[in-house]
Amino acid sequence: MPQFQNQDVIELALGASRLLVAPQAGGRLLSWTLGGAPIIHWPAAPDWSKPGLIRGGNPLLFPFIARQWVDGQVGRWRDAEGVVRDIPLHGFARDLPFAAQIAPQGDGVRMTLTDSASTRELYPFGFRFEAAYRLADETMLDVELTTTNTGDARMPYYAGHHFYFALPHAQRGEATIALPRNVHRRQLPDGTTAGAAPGETHYRFDDAQIIDRFHCLDGEPDVPVRIEMPSQQRAIEIDLCRPGSVSWYAVTTWSLAPDSDFYCVEPWLGLPDAIHTGLGLRWLEPGESEKAALRIRVSALPSG
């Protein structure tokens, strides 16, 4: 396998498009470059001893997203029988090794995580969680998450993405994001989820209001999510209406700090703490499987 930052990686290339993936590090998409320019951000000197905490690429969020709370304690969840268990931030998938299979055409990869004794201590279900990336052409990336209940009990879950899009912090004031119809929510410091408020469909990335905001989709998206970066003469569209896909629940916007050279735009199937609030909570019957798909497309903005 090729080496990147002293790690084994899978490299997919099509024309000017290049994708790096590290299955052993949580099935992580590390970077996507187009003509050498970063679309997905990856840091130059990450701490590979804690891959789940690296600020870059696309961490896979499963079985639950973000923070769950029980009786004021973060990192815990209560099942239908009242049993309380620990659960890491964003679930455990981003910290575990996935098996990987490269497509025969060399344009894609499918990575798979299955349950084990250690996962069943946190999440007592049999599952198969798959993430697939495919370069549809050099400007389009197809992404699928497929979740299967391989056990004999009804299984709750809500998975998602955490895309770190490359955006120099000095360009936030001119870069914009357009969203489908939505209402917005956020998680409060005590773990409760704020009530829904009418959401706008256009924001600038220097708007502090959108940090850690859940833009909950109001029905099926009628337009893609669109990011415009005038200084880079680039637009990025995220199509959330793909054939055979379940409905995405929300798109979350977040960045670490005002001087971070990335901004995260995160399609989610549910909201944090949905296991308790029901906001996006999904259930799979034994043997049932469902796919959540999206397409990311990069295009040039008109000059001038």
C-alpha atoms as a PDB file:
ATOM      1  CA  MET A   1       0.000   0.000   0.000  1.00  0.00           C
ATOM      2  CA  PRO A   2       1.167   3.588  -0.573  1.00  0.00           C
ATOM      3  CA  GLN A   3       2.514   5.509   2.421  1.00  0.00           C
ATOM      4  CA  PHE A   4       1.328   8.927   3.597  1.00  0.00           C
ATOM      5  CA  GLN A   5       2.633  10.503   6.813  1.00  0.00           C
ATOM      6  CA  ASN A   6       4.144   7.067   7.579  1.00  0.00           C
ATOM      7  CA  GLN A   7       0.716   5.439   7.378  1.00  0.00           C
ATOM      8  CA  ASP A   8      -0.625   2.837   4.957  1.00  0.00           C
ATOM      9  CA  VAL A   9      -3.269   4.429   2.742  1.00  0.00           C
ATOM     10  CA  ILE A  10      -5.388   3.667  -0.281  1.00  0.00           C
ATOM     11  CA  GLU A  11      -5.030   6.148  -3.129  1.00  0.00           C
ATOM     12  CA  LEU A  12      -7.744   6.628  -5.733  1.00  0.00           C
ATOM     13  CA  ALA A  13      -7.048   8.830  -8.715  1.00  0.00           C
ATOM     14  CA  LEU A  14      -9.071   9.895 -11.746  1.00  0.00           C
ATOM     15  CA  GLY A  15      -7.725  12.629 -13.966  1.00  0.00           C
ATOM     16  CA  ALA A  16      -6.743  15.547 -11.749  1.00  0.00           C
ATOM     17  CA  SER A  17      -8.698  14.145  -8.797  1.00  0.00           C
ATOM     18  CA  ARG A  18      -6.899  12.304  -5.985  1.00  0.00           C
ATOM     19  CA  LEU A  19      -8.370  10.675  -2.885  1.00  0.00           C
ATOM     20  CA  LEU A  20      -6.492   9.256   0.115  1.00  0.00           C
ATOM     21  CA  VAL A  21      -8.228   6.861   2.529  1.00  0.00           C
ATOM     22  CA  ALA A  22      -6.969   5.121   5.692  1.00  0.00           C
ATOM     23  CA  PRO A  23      -9.195   2.111   6.451  1.00  0.00           C
ATOM     24  CA  GLN A  24      -7.229   1.204   9.597  1.00  0.00           C
ATOM     25  CA  ALA A  25      -7.879   4.664  11.070  1.00  0.00           C
ATOM     26  CA  GLY A  26     -11.655   4.602  11.393  1.00  0.00           C
ATOM     27  CA  GLY A  27     -12.261   4.196   7.658  1.00  0.00           C
ATOM     28  CA  ARG A  28     -11.137   7.811   7.358  1.00  0.00           C
ATOM     29  CA  LEU A  29     -11.193   9.719   4.114  1.00  0.00           C
ATOM     30  CA  LEU A  30      -8.041  11.769   4.668  1.00  0.00           C
ATOM     31  CA  SER A  31      -7.997  14.158   1.762  1.00  0.00           C
ATOM     32  CA  TRP A  32      -9.422  14.971  -1.623  1.00  0.00           C
ATOM     33  CA  THR A  33      -7.437  17.182  -3.966  1.00  0.00           C
ATOM     34  CA  LEU A  34      -8.331  18.444  -7.418  1.00  0.00           C
ATOM     35  CA  GLY A  35      -5.435  19.609  -9.538  1.00  0.00           C
ATOM     36  CA  GLY A  36      -3.363  19.664  -6.346  1.00  0.00           C
ATOM     37  CA  ALA A  37      -5.767  22.047  -4.587  1.00  0.00           C
ATOM     38  CA  PRO A  38      -7.351  20.687  -1.385  1.00  0.00           C
ATOM     39  CA  ILE A  39     -11.114  20.148  -1.366  1.00  0.00           C
ATOM     40  CA  ILE A  40     -11.051  18.214   1.920  1.00  0.00           C
ATOM     41  CA  HIS A  41      -8.609  19.564   4.518  1.00  0.00           C
ATOM     42  CA  TRP A  42      -5.945  17.413   6.179  1.00  0.00           C
ATOM     43  CA  PRO A  43      -3.346  18.800   8.635  1.00  0.00           C
ATOM     44  CA  ALA A  44       0.365  18.678   7.871  1.00  0.00           C
ATOM     45  CA  ALA A  45       1.395  17.179  11.228  1.00  0.00           C
ATOM     46  CA  PRO A  46      -1.500  15.282  12.839  1.00  0.00           C
ATOM     47  CA  ASP A  47      -1.247  13.130  15.963  1.00  0.00           C
ATOM     48  CA  TRP A  48      -1.710   9.661  14.502  1.00  0.00           C
ATOM     49  CA  SER A  49      -1.776   8.106  17.983  1.00  0.00           C
ATOM     50  CA  LYS A  50      -5.324   9.476  18.315  1.00  0.00           C
ATOM     51  CA  PRO A  51      -6.771   9.292  14.786  1.00  0.00           C
ATOM     52  CA  GLY A  52     -10.344   9.940  15.919  1.00  0.00           C
ATOM     53  CA  LEU A  53      -9.323  13.388  17.188  1.00  0.00           C
ATOM     54  CA  ILE A  54      -7.481  14.588  14.059  1.00  0.00           C
ATOM     55  CA  ARG A  55      -9.082  17.746  12.682  1.00  0.00           C
ATOM     56  CA  GLY A  56      -9.376  16.817   9.033  1.00  0.00           C
ATOM     57  CA  GLY A  57     -10.732  14.462   6.412  1.00  0.00           C
ATOM     58  CA  ASN A  58     -14.110  12.873   7.063  1.00  0.00           C
ATOM     59  CA  PRO A  59     -14.565  11.023  10.357  1.00  0.00           C
ATOM     60  CA  LEU A  60     -17.398   8.475  10.169  1.00  0.00           C
ATOM     61  CA  LEU A  61     -20.000   8.936  12.911  1.00  0.00           C
ATOM     62  CA  PHE A  62     -21.621   5.683  14.092  1.00  0.00           C
ATOM     63  CA  PRO A  63     -23.691   4.338  15.804  1.00  0.00           C
ATOM     64  CA  PHE A  64     -24.669   7.713  17.281  1.00  0.00           C
ATOM     65  CA  ILE A  65     -23.692  11.280  16.447  1.00  0.00           C
ATOM     66  CA  ALA A  66     -21.975  13.725  18.818  1.00  0.00           C
ATOM     67  CA  ARG A  67     -22.932  13.751  22.514  1.00  0.00           C
ATOM     68  CA  GLN A  68     -25.504  11.637  24.360  1.00  0.00           C
ATOM     69  CA  TRP A  69     -26.607  12.495  27.892  1.00  0.00           C
ATOM     70  CA  VAL A  70     -28.170  10.590  30.810  1.00  0.00           C
ATOM     71  CA  ASP A  71     -29.148  12.388  34.047  1.00  0.00           C
ATOM     72  CA  GLY A  72     -26.771  15.266  33.341  1.00  0.00           C
ATOM     73  CA  GLN A  73     -23.820  13.011  32.476  1.00  0.00           C
ATOM     74  CA  VAL A  74     -22.326  13.244  29.005  1.00  0.00           C
ATOM     75  CA  GLY A  75     -21.156  10.173  27.098  1.00  0.00           C
ATOM     76  CA  ARG A  76     -23.929   7.857  28.261  1.00  0.00           C
ATOM     77  CA  TRP A  77     -27.114   6.438  26.762  1.00  0.00           C
ATOM     78  CA  ARG A  78     -30.137   4.546  28.061  1.00  0.00           C
ATOM     79  CA  ASP A  79     -31.604   1.660  26.073  1.00  0.00           C
ATOM     80  CA  ALA A  80     -35.251   0.635  25.816  1.00  0.00           C
ATOM     81  CA  GLU A  81     -34.913  -1.610  28.899  1.00  0.00           C
ATOM     82  CA  GLY A  82     -33.453   1.214  30.973  1.00  0.00           C
ATOM     83  CA  VAL A  83     -29.852  -0.039  30.922  1.00  0.00           C
ATOM     84  CA  VAL A  84     -27.332   2.828  30.833  1.00  0.00           C
ATOM     85  CA  ARG A  85     -24.087   2.387  28.886  1.00  0.00           C
ATOM     86  CA  ASP A  86     -21.092   4.526  27.986  1.00  0.00           C
ATOM     87  CA  ILE A  87     -20.700   5.777  24.415  1.00  0.00           C
ATOM     88  CA  PRO A  88     -17.820   7.897  23.051  1.00  0.00           C
ATOM     89  CA  LEU A  89     -18.289  11.269  21.373  1.00  0.00           C
ATOM     90  CA  HIS A  90     -19.532  10.622  17.808  1.00  0.00           C
ATOM     91  CA  GLY A  91     -19.657   6.885  18.520  1.00  0.00           C
ATOM     92  CA  PHE A  92     -16.830   4.367  18.197  1.00  0.00           C
ATOM     93  CA  ALA A  93     -16.465   3.813  14.442  1.00  0.00           C
ATOM     94  CA  ARG A  94     -13.987   6.647  13.884  1.00  0.00           C
ATOM     95  CA  ASP A  95     -11.507   4.951  16.240  1.00  0.00           C
ATOM     96  CA  LEU A  96     -11.674   1.401  14.859  1.00  0.00           C
ATOM     97  CA  PRO A  97     -10.069  -0.352  11.872  1.00  0.00           C
ATOM     98  CA  PHE A  98     -12.253  -1.140   8.856  1.00  0.00           C
ATOM     99  CA  ALA A  99     -11.733  -3.883   6.300  1.00  0.00           C
ATOM    100  CA  ALA A 100     -11.346  -2.468   2.791  1.00  0.00           C
ATOM    101  CA  GLN A 101     -12.046  -3.614  -0.749  1.00  0.00           C
ATOM    102  CA  ILE A 102     -10.977  -1.557  -3.762  1.00  0.00           C
ATOM    103  CA  ALA A 103     -13.370  -1.559  -6.714  1.00  0.00           C
ATOM    104  CA  PRO A 104     -12.165  -3.567  -9.736  1.00  0.00           C
ATOM    105  CA  GLN A 105     -12.094  -0.384 -11.820  1.00  0.00           C
ATOM    106  CA  GLY A 106      -9.852   1.300  -9.221  1.00  0.00           C
ATOM    107  CA  ASP A 107     -12.177   4.285  -8.909  1.00  0.00           C
ATOM    108  CA  GLY A 108     -13.669   3.467  -5.503  1.00  0.00           C
ATOM    109  CA  VAL A 109     -13.313   1.720  -2.171  1.00  0.00           C
ATOM    110  CA  ARG A 110     -15.770   0.076   0.221  1.00  0.00           C
ATOM    111  CA  MET A 111     -14.826  -0.199   3.897  1.00  0.00           C
ATOM    112  CA  THR A 112     -16.606  -2.364   6.441  1.00  0.00           C
ATOM    113  CA  LEU A 113     -16.862  -2.428  10.225  1.00  0.00           C
ATOM    114  CA  THR A 114     -18.671  -5.224  12.083  1.00  0.00           C
ATOM    115  CA  ASP A 115     -19.561  -5.730  15.705  1.00  0.00           C
ATOM    116  CA  SER A 116     -17.125  -7.276  18.179  1.00  0.00           C
ATOM    117  CA  ALA A 117     -17.021  -8.084  21.877  1.00  0.00           C
ATOM    118  CA  SER A 118     -15.734  -4.570  22.614  1.00  0.00           C
ATOM    119  CA  THR A 119     -18.410  -2.792  20.557  1.00  0.00           C
ATOM    120  CA  ARG A 120     -21.168  -4.906  22.121  1.00  0.00           C
ATOM    121  CA  GLU A 121     -20.171  -3.612  25.569  1.00  0.00           C
ATOM    122  CA  LEU A 122     -21.070  -0.107  24.371  1.00  0.00           C
ATOM    123  CA  TYR A 123     -23.767  -0.993  21.849  1.00  0.00           C
ATOM    124  CA  PRO A 124     -25.235  -4.489  22.277  1.00  0.00           C
ATOM    125  CA  PHE A 125     -26.204  -5.150  18.670  1.00  0.00           C
ATOM    126  CA  GLY A 126     -24.947  -7.135  15.718  1.00  0.00           C
ATOM    127  CA  PHE A 127     -24.242  -4.783  12.805  1.00  0.00           C
ATOM    128  CA  ARG A 128     -22.385  -4.210   9.580  1.00  0.00           C
ATOM    129  CA  PHE A 129     -21.498  -0.579   8.857  1.00  0.00           C
ATOM    130  CA  GLU A 130     -20.082   0.198   5.416  1.00  0.00           C
ATOM    131  CA  ALA A 131     -18.666   3.380   3.922  1.00  0.00           C
ATOM    132  CA  ALA A 132     -18.085   3.616   0.181  1.00  0.00           C
ATOM    133  CA  TYR A 133     -16.323   6.331  -1.822  1.00  0.00           C
ATOM    134  CA  ARG A 134     -16.288   6.439  -5.618  1.00  0.00           C
ATOM    135  CA  LEU A 135     -14.936   9.049  -8.005  1.00  0.00           C
ATOM    136  CA  ALA A 136     -17.825   9.421 -10.453  1.00  0.00           C
ATOM    137  CA  ASP A 137     -15.553  11.665 -12.497  1.00  0.00           C
ATOM    138  CA  GLU A 138     -12.679  13.934 -11.554  1.00  0.00           C
ATOM    139  CA  THR A 139     -15.031  16.569 -10.108  1.00  0.00           C
ATOM    140  CA  MET A 140     -17.644  14.306  -8.467  1.00  0.00           C
ATOM    141  CA  LEU A 141     -17.402  12.069  -5.424  1.00  0.00           C
ATOM    142  CA  ASP A 142     -20.172   9.597  -4.557  1.00  0.00           C
ATOM    143  CA  VAL A 143     -20.402   8.634  -0.884  1.00  0.00           C
ATOM    144  CA  GLU A 144     -22.579   5.941   0.693  1.00  0.00           C
ATOM    145  CA  LEU A 145     -23.138   4.752   4.247  1.00  0.00           C
ATOM    146  CA  THR A 146     -24.886   1.381   4.486  1.00  0.00           C
ATOM    147  CA  THR A 147     -26.040   0.038   7.838  1.00  0.00           C
ATOM    148  CA  THR A 148     -27.262  -3.520   8.334  1.00  0.00           C
ATOM    149  CA  ASN A 149     -28.734  -5.152  11.429  1.00  0.00           C
ATOM    150  CA  THR A 150     -27.062  -8.575  11.559  1.00  0.00           C
ATOM    151  CA  GLY A 151     -28.425  -9.423  14.998  1.00  0.00           C
ATOM    152  CA  ASP A 152     -31.737 -10.669  16.323  1.00  0.00           C
ATOM    153  CA  ALA A 153     -32.948  -7.508  18.099  1.00  0.00           C
ATOM    154  CA  ARG A 154     -34.345  -4.224  16.798  1.00  0.00           C
ATOM    155  CA  MET A 155     -31.397  -1.820  16.459  1.00  0.00           C
ATOM    156  CA  PRO A 156     -31.330   1.980  16.966  1.00  0.00           C
ATOM    157  CA  TYR A 157     -28.798   4.145  15.151  1.00  0.00           C
ATOM    158  CA  TYR A 158     -28.172   7.518  13.524  1.00  0.00           C
ATOM    159  CA  ALA A 159     -24.996   7.865  11.493  1.00  0.00           C
ATOM    160  CA  GLY A 160     -23.376  10.787   9.718  1.00  0.00           C
ATOM    161  CA  HIS A 161     -20.411  12.535   8.171  1.00  0.00           C
ATOM    162  CA  HIS A 162     -17.987  15.182   9.437  1.00  0.00           C
ATOM    163  CA  PHE A 163     -16.471  16.646   6.241  1.00  0.00           C
ATOM    164  CA  TYR A 164     -13.649  19.139   6.877  1.00  0.00           C
ATOM    165  CA  PHE A 165     -13.785  21.368   3.795  1.00  0.00           C
ATOM    166  CA  ALA A 166     -10.640  23.362   3.118  1.00  0.00           C
ATOM    167  CA  LEU A 167     -11.373  27.078   3.645  1.00  0.00           C
ATOM    168  CA  PRO A 168      -8.592  29.506   4.640  1.00  0.00           C
ATOM    169  CA  HIS A 169      -9.884  31.464   7.624  1.00  0.00           C
ATOM    170  CA  ALA A 170      -9.146  34.817   5.965  1.00  0.00           C
ATOM    171  CA  GLN A 171     -11.710  33.913   3.271  1.00  0.00           C
ATOM    172  CA  ARG A 172     -14.636  33.200   5.598  1.00  0.00           C
ATOM    173  CA  GLY A 173     -16.071  36.687   5.170  1.00  0.00           C
ATOM    174  CA  GLU A 174     -16.619  36.196   1.447  1.00  0.00           C
ATOM    175  CA  ALA A 175     -17.395  32.470   1.358  1.00  0.00           C
ATOM    176  CA  THR A 176     -21.061  31.475   1.601  1.00  0.00           C
ATOM    177  CA  ILE A 177     -23.241  28.434   2.160  1.00  0.00           C
ATOM    178  CA  ALA A 178     -26.714  27.969   0.682  1.00  0.00           C
ATOM    179  CA  LEU A 179     -29.014  25.381   2.266  1.00  0.00           C
ATOM    180  CA  PRO A 180     -32.338  23.751   1.429  1.00  0.00           C
ATOM    181  CA  ARG A 181     -35.414  24.769   3.439  1.00  0.00           C
ATOM    182  CA  ASN A 182     -34.741  24.132   7.112  1.00  0.00           C
ATOM    183  CA  VAL A 183     -35.405  24.863  10.738  1.00  0.00           C
ATOM    184  CA  HIS A 184     -32.427  25.115  13.057  1.00  0.00           C
ATOM    185  CA  ARG A 185     -31.627  23.682  16.468  1.00  0.00           C
ATOM    186  CA  ARG A 186     -28.584  23.276  18.693  1.00  0.00           C
ATOM    187  CA  GLN A 187     -27.589  21.231  21.716  1.00  0.00           C
ATOM    188  CA  LEU A 188     -27.510  23.266  24.921  1.00  0.00           C
ATOM    189  CA  PRO A 189     -24.741  22.979  27.554  1.00  0.00           C
ATOM    190  CA  ASP A 190     -26.897  20.680  29.719  1.00  0.00           C
ATOM    191  CA  GLY A 191     -27.400  18.258  26.843  1.00  0.00           C
ATOM    192  CA  THR A 192     -30.964  19.225  26.009  1.00  0.00           C
ATOM    193  CA  THR A 193     -31.863  20.138  22.444  1.00  0.00           C
ATOM    194  CA  ALA A 194     -33.220  23.611  21.752  1.00  0.00           C
ATOM    195  CA  GLY A 195     -36.596  23.985  20.111  1.00  0.00           C
ATOM    196  CA  ALA A 196     -36.772  24.489  16.361  1.00  0.00           C
ATOM    197  CA  ALA A 197     -36.506  28.025  14.979  1.00  0.00           C
ATOM    198  CA  PRO A 198     -36.993  29.173  11.381  1.00  0.00           C
ATOM    199  CA  GLY A 199     -33.757  28.778   9.454  1.00  0.00           C
ATOM    200  CA  GLU A 200     -32.258  30.935   6.740  1.00  0.00           C
ATOM    201  CA  THR A 201     -31.072  29.411   3.491  1.00  0.00           C
ATOM    202  CA  HIS A 202     -27.974  31.614   2.977  1.00  0.00           C
ATOM    203  CA  TYR A 203     -25.130  32.392   5.391  1.00  0.00           C
ATOM    204  CA  ARG A 204     -21.568  33.671   5.275  1.00  0.00           C
ATOM    205  CA  PHE A 205     -18.988  31.497   6.963  1.00  0.00           C
ATOM    206  CA  ASP A 206     -17.931  34.310   9.297  1.00  0.00           C
ATOM    207  CA  ASP A 207     -21.430  34.325  10.843  1.00  0.00           C
ATOM    208  CA  ALA A 208     -20.872  33.136  14.416  1.00  0.00           C
ATOM    209  CA  GLN A 209     -24.490  31.972  14.642  1.00  0.00           C
ATOM    210  CA  ILE A 210     -23.812  28.923  12.486  1.00  0.00           C
ATOM    211  CA  ILE A 211     -21.118  27.435  14.707  1.00  0.00           C
ATOM    212  CA  ASP A 212     -22.507  24.112  15.955  1.00  0.00           C
ATOM    213  CA  ARG A 213     -25.921  24.762  14.391  1.00  0.00           C
ATOM    214  CA  PHE A 214     -28.116  21.871  13.224  1.00  0.00           C
ATOM    215  CA  HIS A 215     -29.937  22.886  10.034  1.00  0.00           C
ATOM    216  CA  CYS A 216     -32.805  20.361  10.119  1.00  0.00           C
ATOM    217  CA  LEU A 217     -34.154  19.760   6.634  1.00  0.00           C
ATOM    218  CA  ASP A 218     -37.774  20.728   6.060  1.00  0.00           C
ATOM    219  CA  GLY A 219     -38.852  17.851   3.830  1.00  0.00           C
ATOM    220  CA  GLU A 220     -36.839  16.462   0.949  1.00  0.00           C
ATOM    221  CA  PRO A 221     -34.160  18.980  -0.135  1.00  0.00           C
ATOM    222  CA  ASP A 222     -35.269  20.896  -3.216  1.00  0.00           C
ATOM    223  CA  VAL A 223     -31.733  22.151  -3.887  1.00  0.00           C
ATOM    224  CA  PRO A 224     -28.264  20.885  -2.989  1.00  0.00           C
ATOM    225  CA  VAL A 225     -26.164  22.392  -0.252  1.00  0.00           C
ATOM    226  CA  ARG A 226     -23.882  24.852  -2.057  1.00  0.00           C
ATOM    227  CA  ILE A 227     -20.618  26.343  -0.816  1.00  0.00           C
ATOM    228  CA  GLU A 228     -19.084  29.211  -2.786  1.00  0.00           C
ATOM    229  CA  MET A 229     -15.464  30.331  -2.303  1.00  0.00           C
ATOM    230  CA  PRO A 230     -14.830  33.340  -4.539  1.00  0.00           C
ATOM    231  CA  SER A 231     -11.099  33.664  -3.811  1.00  0.00           C
ATOM    232  CA  GLN A 232     -10.626  30.086  -4.935  1.00  0.00           C
ATOM    233  CA  GLN A 233     -13.117  30.520  -7.805  1.00  0.00           C
ATOM    234  CA  ARG A 234     -14.713  27.302  -6.611  1.00  0.00           C
ATOM    235  CA  ALA A 235     -18.171  26.015  -5.733  1.00  0.00           C
ATOM    236  CA  ILE A 236     -18.910  22.773  -3.919  1.00  0.00           C
ATOM    237  CA  GLU A 237     -22.365  21.204  -4.073  1.00  0.00           C
ATOM    238  CA  ILE A 238     -23.605  18.389  -1.838  1.00  0.00           C
ATOM    239  CA  ASP A 239     -26.551  16.573  -3.406  1.00  0.00           C
ATOM    240  CA  LEU A 240     -28.555  14.916  -0.629  1.00  0.00           C
ATOM    241  CA  CYS A 241     -31.246  13.432  -2.897  1.00  0.00           C
ATOM    242  CA  ARG A 242     -29.644  10.337  -4.369  1.00  0.00           C
ATOM    243  CA  PRO A 243     -31.436   7.265  -5.769  1.00  0.00           C
ATOM    244  CA  GLY A 244     -32.142   4.590  -3.167  1.00  0.00           C
ATOM    245  CA  SER A 245     -31.091   6.740  -0.234  1.00  0.00           C
ATOM    246  CA  VAL A 246     -32.933   7.276   3.020  1.00  0.00           C
ATOM    247  CA  SER A 247     -33.618  10.918   3.906  1.00  0.00           C
ATOM    248  CA  TRP A 248     -30.919  12.977   5.569  1.00  0.00           C
ATOM    249  CA  TYR A 249     -32.204  14.680   8.713  1.00  0.00           C
ATOM    250  CA  ALA A 250     -29.876  17.664   9.106  1.00  0.00           C
ATOM    251  CA  VAL A 251     -26.759  19.440   7.905  1.00  0.00           C
ATOM    252  CA  THR A 252     -24.560  20.724  10.723  1.00  0.00           C
ATOM    253  CA  THR A 253     -22.077  23.598  10.363  1.00  0.00           C
ATOM    254  CA  TRP A 254     -19.072  23.834  12.683  1.00  0.00           C
ATOM    255  CA  SER A 255     -15.472  24.960  12.926  1.00  0.00           C
ATOM    256  CA  LEU A 256     -12.980  24.779  15.776  1.00  0.00           C
ATOM    257  CA  ALA A 257     -11.775  28.386  15.962  1.00  0.00           C
ATOM    258  CA  PRO A 258     -11.836  31.670  14.023  1.00  0.00           C
ATOM    259  CA  ASP A 259      -8.351  30.956  12.657  1.00  0.00           C
ATOM    260  CA  SER A 260      -9.028  27.353  11.593  1.00  0.00           C
ATOM    261  CA  ASP A 261      -8.389  26.839   7.884  1.00  0.00           C
ATOM    262  CA  PHE A 262     -11.373  24.550   7.495  1.00  0.00           C
ATOM    263  CA  TYR A 263     -15.112  24.584   7.939  1.00  0.00           C
ATOM    264  CA  CYS A 264     -17.124  21.440   8.579  1.00  0.00           C
ATOM    265  CA  VAL A 265     -20.382  20.813   6.714  1.00  0.00           C
ATOM    266  CA  GLU A 266     -21.839  17.590   8.075  1.00  0.00           C
ATOM    267  CA  PRO A 267     -24.821  15.646   6.680  1.00  0.00           C
ATOM    268  CA  TRP A 268     -26.444  13.728   9.545  1.00  0.00           C
ATOM    269  CA  LEU A 269     -29.212  11.128   9.744  1.00  0.00           C
ATOM    270  CA  GLY A 270     -30.220  12.317  13.225  1.00  0.00           C
ATOM    271  CA  LEU A 271     -29.358  14.800  15.945  1.00  0.00           C
ATOM    272  CA  PRO A 272     -27.154  14.360  19.008  1.00  0.00           C
ATOM    273  CA  ASP A 273     -28.989  12.534  21.815  1.00  0.00           C
ATOM    274  CA  ALA A 274     -31.661  11.287  19.394  1.00  0.00           C
ATOM    275  CA  ILE A 275     -31.691   7.988  21.297  1.00  0.00           C
ATOM    276  CA  HIS A 276     -33.485   9.953  24.047  1.00  0.00           C
ATOM    277  CA  THR A 277     -35.236  12.745  22.121  1.00  0.00           C
ATOM    278  CA  GLY A 278     -36.248  10.787  19.010  1.00  0.00           C
ATOM    279  CA  LEU A 279     -35.026  13.619  16.725  1.00  0.00           C
ATOM    280  CA  GLY A 280     -33.833  11.566  13.767  1.00  0.00           C
ATOM    281  CA  LEU A 281     -33.599   8.272  15.632  1.00  0.00           C
ATOM    282  CA  ARG A 282     -33.679   5.376  13.175  1.00  0.00           C
ATOM    283  CA  TRP A 283     -34.496   1.708  13.813  1.00  0.00           C
ATOM    284  CA  LEU A 284     -33.508  -1.369  11.830  1.00  0.00           C
ATOM    285  CA  GLU A 285     -35.281  -4.681  12.239  1.00  0.00           C
ATOM    286  CA  PRO A 286     -33.169  -7.881  12.255  1.00  0.00           C
ATOM    287  CA  GLY A 287     -31.831  -8.481   8.757  1.00  0.00           C
ATOM    288  CA  GLU A 288     -32.831  -4.998   7.577  1.00  0.00           C
ATOM    289  CA  SER A 289     -30.388  -2.721   5.750  1.00  0.00           C
ATOM    290  CA  GLU A 290     -30.540   0.870   4.546  1.00  0.00           C
ATOM    291  CA  LYS A 291     -28.307   3.207   2.591  1.00  0.00           C
ATOM    292  CA  ALA A 292     -27.649   6.932   3.036  1.00  0.00           C
ATOM    293  CA  ALA A 293     -26.069   8.413  -0.089  1.00  0.00           C
ATOM    294  CA  LEU A 294     -24.827  11.791  -1.275  1.00  0.00           C
ATOM    295  CA  ARG A 295     -22.765  13.254  -4.104  1.00  0.00           C
ATOM    296  CA  ILE A 296     -20.186  16.042  -3.789  1.00  0.00           C
ATOM    297  CA  ARG A 297     -19.513  18.032  -6.945  1.00  0.00           C
ATOM    298  CA  VAL A 298     -16.812  20.669  -7.448  1.00  0.00           C
ATOM    299  CA  SER A 299     -17.213  23.326 -10.127  1.00  0.00           C
ATOM    300  CA  ALA A 300     -15.611  26.607 -11.113  1.00  0.00           C
ATOM    301  CA  LEU A 301     -17.217  29.918 -10.287  1.00  0.00           C
ATOM    302  CA  PRO A 302     -17.489  32.386 -13.146  1.00  0.00           C
ATOM    303  CA  SER A 303     -14.547  34.782 -13.105  1.00  0.00           C
ATOM    304  CA  GLY A 304     -15.232  38.425 -12.485  1.00  0.00           C
END
